[in-house]
C-alpha cells in the first residue's frame, strides 16, 4: 500500500504532519493553505502562503511501494 505524507511548516516554526493512503492535492509555491475546518488549525497560524516545496521519495525495508512525502514551508498570509 502506498503511503503519502504532507508536512507543513508554519510561519511560527511549528510542524503539522498529515498521512494518507491516497495522494494529496498538488501544492506549489505561491499557493495559500487554509485549514479552517481542522480543530487545531490555530496551531498552524493558517491561512499561510507556500514559500517552498520539497518532494521526497524513499523506500522502507520490506516495502514494495515507496513513501512519497511533500514538505512545505509557509509565510503568514491575510485573506482579503
N, C-alpha and C. Protein backbone atom coordinates (compact mmCIF):
# COMPACT_ATOMS: atom_id res chain seq x y z
N UNK A 1 0.84 -1.18 0.00
CA UNK A 1 0.00 0.00 0.00
C UNK A 1 0.89 1.25 0.00
N UNK A 2 0.58 2.18 -0.84
CA UNK A 2 1.34 3.43 -0.91
C UNK A 2 1.07 4.28 0.33
N UNK A 3 2.08 5.04 0.71
CA UNK A 3 1.95 5.98 1.82
C UNK A 3 2.31 7.37 1.33
N UNK A 4 1.47 8.31 1.66
CA UNK A 4 1.69 9.71 1.28
C UNK A 4 1.72 10.55 2.55
N UNK A 5 2.70 11.44 2.63
CA UNK A 5 2.87 12.28 3.80
C UNK A 5 2.96 13.74 3.35
N UNK A 6 2.25 14.61 4.05
CA UNK A 6 2.33 16.04 3.81
C UNK A 6 2.74 16.68 5.13
N UNK A 7 3.84 17.43 5.13
CA UNK A 7 4.23 18.17 6.32
C UNK A 7 4.19 19.66 6.00
N UNK A 8 3.65 20.42 6.93
CA UNK A 8 3.53 21.86 6.75
C UNK A 8 4.28 22.54 7.89
N UNK A 9 5.24 23.38 7.52
CA UNK A 9 5.97 24.17 8.50
C UNK A 9 5.33 25.55 8.55
N UNK A 10 4.76 25.89 9.69
CA UNK A 10 4.04 27.16 9.82
C UNK A 10 5.01 28.33 9.90
N UNK A 11 4.50 29.55 9.72
CA UNK A 11 5.35 30.73 9.84
C UNK A 11 6.00 30.85 11.23
N UNK A 12 5.39 30.24 12.24
CA UNK A 12 5.90 30.28 13.60
C UNK A 12 6.88 29.14 13.89
N UNK A 13 7.17 28.30 12.88
CA UNK A 13 8.12 27.22 13.05
C UNK A 13 7.52 25.91 13.55
N UNK A 14 6.21 25.85 13.69
CA UNK A 14 5.56 24.62 14.12
C UNK A 14 5.31 23.73 12.91
N UNK A 15 5.40 22.42 13.10
CA UNK A 15 5.21 21.48 12.00
C UNK A 15 3.97 20.63 12.26
N UNK A 16 3.18 20.45 11.21
CA UNK A 16 1.99 19.60 11.26
C UNK A 16 2.16 18.54 10.18
N UNK A 17 1.84 17.29 10.52
CA UNK A 17 2.03 16.18 9.59
C UNK A 17 0.70 15.48 9.33
N UNK A 18 0.44 15.24 8.06
CA UNK A 18 -0.76 14.51 7.64
C UNK A 18 -0.32 13.28 6.86
N UNK A 19 -0.96 12.15 7.07
CA UNK A 19 -0.65 10.92 6.33
C UNK A 19 -1.92 10.41 5.67
N UNK A 20 -1.74 9.78 4.50
CA UNK A 20 -2.87 9.27 3.75
C UNK A 20 -2.45 8.08 2.89
N UNK A 21 -3.42 7.27 2.51
CA UNK A 21 -3.15 6.17 1.57
C UNK A 21 -3.41 6.61 0.13
N UNK A 22 -3.87 7.86 -0.03
CA UNK A 22 -4.08 8.42 -1.37
C UNK A 22 -3.28 9.73 -1.48
N UNK A 23 -2.87 10.11 -2.69
CA UNK A 23 -2.07 11.33 -2.84
C UNK A 23 -2.81 12.58 -2.39
N UNK A 24 -2.07 13.55 -1.89
CA UNK A 24 -2.63 14.85 -1.55
C UNK A 24 -2.73 15.68 -2.82
N UNK A 25 -3.52 16.75 -2.76
CA UNK A 25 -3.63 17.66 -3.90
C UNK A 25 -2.25 18.25 -4.20
N UNK A 26 -1.99 18.61 -5.44
CA UNK A 26 -0.71 19.26 -5.75
C UNK A 26 -0.60 20.60 -5.01
N UNK A 27 0.56 20.87 -4.47
CA UNK A 27 0.81 22.14 -3.77
C UNK A 27 2.04 22.77 -4.41
N UNK A 28 1.93 24.06 -4.73
CA UNK A 28 3.03 24.76 -5.39
C UNK A 28 3.35 26.05 -4.65
N UNK A 29 4.54 26.56 -4.88
CA UNK A 29 4.95 27.84 -4.31
C UNK A 29 3.93 28.91 -4.70
N UNK A 30 3.50 29.71 -3.74
CA UNK A 30 2.51 30.75 -4.00
C UNK A 30 1.09 30.36 -3.62
N UNK A 31 0.83 29.06 -3.47
CA UNK A 31 -0.50 28.61 -3.05
C UNK A 31 -0.79 29.10 -1.64
N UNK A 32 -2.06 29.30 -1.34
CA UNK A 32 -2.48 29.68 0.01
C UNK A 32 -3.19 28.48 0.62
N UNK A 33 -2.73 28.07 1.80
CA UNK A 33 -3.32 26.95 2.50
C UNK A 33 -4.20 27.47 3.63
N UNK A 34 -5.39 26.90 3.75
CA UNK A 34 -6.30 27.25 4.83
C UNK A 34 -6.90 25.97 5.37
N UNK A 35 -6.87 25.83 6.67
CA UNK A 35 -7.40 24.63 7.32
C UNK A 35 -8.49 25.01 8.32
N UNK A 36 -9.37 25.89 7.93
CA UNK A 36 -10.41 26.39 8.83
C UNK A 36 -11.28 25.28 9.41
N UNK A 37 -11.41 24.16 8.71
CA UNK A 37 -12.27 23.08 9.19
C UNK A 37 -11.56 22.14 10.15
N UNK A 38 -10.24 22.30 10.32
CA UNK A 38 -9.50 21.46 11.25
C UNK A 38 -9.58 22.06 12.65
N UNK A 39 -9.78 21.21 13.64
CA UNK A 39 -9.94 21.67 15.01
C UNK A 39 -8.70 22.40 15.53
N UNK A 40 -7.50 21.94 15.15
CA UNK A 40 -6.27 22.55 15.67
C UNK A 40 -5.60 23.47 14.65
N UNK A 41 -6.39 24.08 13.78
CA UNK A 41 -5.83 24.95 12.73
C UNK A 41 -5.08 26.14 13.31
N UNK A 42 -5.51 26.64 14.47
CA UNK A 42 -4.83 27.80 15.06
C UNK A 42 -3.37 27.51 15.36
N UNK A 43 -3.05 26.25 15.63
CA UNK A 43 -1.67 25.88 15.94
C UNK A 43 -0.75 26.10 14.74
N UNK A 44 -1.32 26.11 13.54
CA UNK A 44 -0.52 26.30 12.33
C UNK A 44 -0.48 27.75 11.88
N UNK A 45 -1.20 28.64 12.54
CA UNK A 45 -1.26 30.04 12.15
C UNK A 45 -1.65 30.19 10.68
N UNK A 46 -2.65 29.45 10.28
CA UNK A 46 -3.11 29.49 8.91
C UNK A 46 -4.26 30.45 8.77
N UNK A 47 -4.57 31.04 7.63
CA UNK A 47 -4.01 30.71 6.32
C UNK A 47 -2.55 31.16 6.18
N UNK A 48 -1.87 30.49 5.29
CA UNK A 48 -0.46 30.80 5.04
C UNK A 48 -0.13 30.55 3.57
N UNK A 49 0.81 31.34 3.06
CA UNK A 49 1.23 31.20 1.67
C UNK A 49 2.46 30.29 1.62
N UNK A 50 2.45 29.37 0.66
CA UNK A 50 3.56 28.43 0.48
C UNK A 50 4.75 29.17 -0.13
N UNK A 51 5.91 29.08 0.53
CA UNK A 51 7.11 29.75 0.02
C UNK A 51 8.16 28.76 -0.46
N UNK A 52 8.03 27.49 -0.09
CA UNK A 52 9.00 26.47 -0.51
C UNK A 52 8.32 25.11 -0.49
N UNK A 53 8.63 24.30 -1.49
CA UNK A 53 8.09 22.94 -1.58
C UNK A 53 9.24 21.97 -1.81
N UNK A 54 9.26 20.90 -1.04
CA UNK A 54 10.28 19.87 -1.21
C UNK A 54 9.58 18.52 -1.35
N UNK A 55 9.95 17.79 -2.40
CA UNK A 55 9.39 16.46 -2.64
C UNK A 55 10.43 15.41 -2.29
N UNK A 56 10.02 14.42 -1.52
CA UNK A 56 10.94 13.34 -1.14
C UNK A 56 10.31 12.00 -1.45
N UNK A 57 11.14 11.06 -1.80
CA UNK A 57 10.69 9.72 -2.17
C UNK A 57 11.69 8.73 -1.60
N UNK A 58 11.23 7.74 -0.86
CA UNK A 58 12.13 6.71 -0.34
C UNK A 58 11.38 5.40 -0.18
N UNK A 59 12.13 4.35 -0.03
CA UNK A 59 11.54 3.02 0.13
C UNK A 59 12.05 2.42 1.43
N UNK A 60 11.12 2.03 2.29
CA UNK A 60 11.50 1.44 3.56
C UNK A 60 11.75 -0.05 3.38
N UNK A 61 12.65 -0.63 4.17
CA UNK A 61 12.97 -2.05 4.04
C UNK A 61 11.71 -2.93 4.12
N UNK A 62 11.59 -3.82 3.17
CA UNK A 62 10.46 -4.73 3.14
C UNK A 62 9.22 -4.21 2.42
N UNK A 63 9.18 -2.92 2.13
CA UNK A 63 8.03 -2.35 1.42
C UNK A 63 8.21 -2.49 -0.09
N UNK A 64 7.11 -2.75 -0.79
CA UNK A 64 7.15 -2.86 -2.24
C UNK A 64 7.05 -1.47 -2.88
N UNK A 65 6.20 -0.64 -2.32
CA UNK A 65 5.98 0.69 -2.89
C UNK A 65 6.69 1.76 -2.06
N UNK A 66 7.16 2.81 -2.71
CA UNK A 66 7.87 3.87 -1.98
C UNK A 66 6.93 4.77 -1.17
N UNK A 67 7.49 5.47 -0.22
CA UNK A 67 6.79 6.51 0.53
C UNK A 67 7.02 7.81 -0.22
N UNK A 68 5.95 8.58 -0.42
CA UNK A 68 6.06 9.87 -1.09
C UNK A 68 5.71 10.96 -0.08
N UNK A 69 6.62 11.93 0.06
CA UNK A 69 6.40 12.99 1.03
C UNK A 69 6.58 14.35 0.37
N UNK A 70 5.67 15.26 0.71
CA UNK A 70 5.78 16.65 0.29
C UNK A 70 5.88 17.47 1.57
N UNK A 71 6.89 18.31 1.63
CA UNK A 71 7.10 19.18 2.78
C UNK A 71 7.04 20.61 2.29
N UNK A 72 6.21 21.43 2.95
CA UNK A 72 6.06 22.83 2.53
C UNK A 72 6.37 23.77 3.68
N UNK A 73 7.04 24.86 3.37
CA UNK A 73 7.29 25.94 4.31
C UNK A 73 6.36 27.09 3.93
N UNK A 74 5.86 27.79 4.94
CA UNK A 74 4.86 28.84 4.68
C UNK A 74 5.23 30.15 5.34
N UNK A 75 4.58 31.21 4.87
CA UNK A 75 4.67 32.52 5.50
C UNK A 75 3.27 32.99 5.80
N UNK A 76 3.15 33.90 6.73
CA UNK A 76 1.85 34.41 7.14
C UNK A 76 1.15 35.08 5.95
N UNK A 77 -0.16 34.87 5.87
CA UNK A 77 -0.95 35.43 4.76
C UNK A 77 -2.29 35.88 5.32
N UNK A 78 -2.75 37.04 4.90
CA UNK A 78 -4.04 37.55 5.33
C UNK A 78 -5.01 37.50 4.15
N UNK A 79 -6.14 36.82 4.36
CA UNK A 79 -7.15 36.76 3.31
C UNK A 79 -7.86 38.09 3.22
N UNK A 80 -8.14 38.54 1.97
CA UNK A 80 -8.84 39.79 1.78
C UNK A 80 -10.33 39.63 2.01
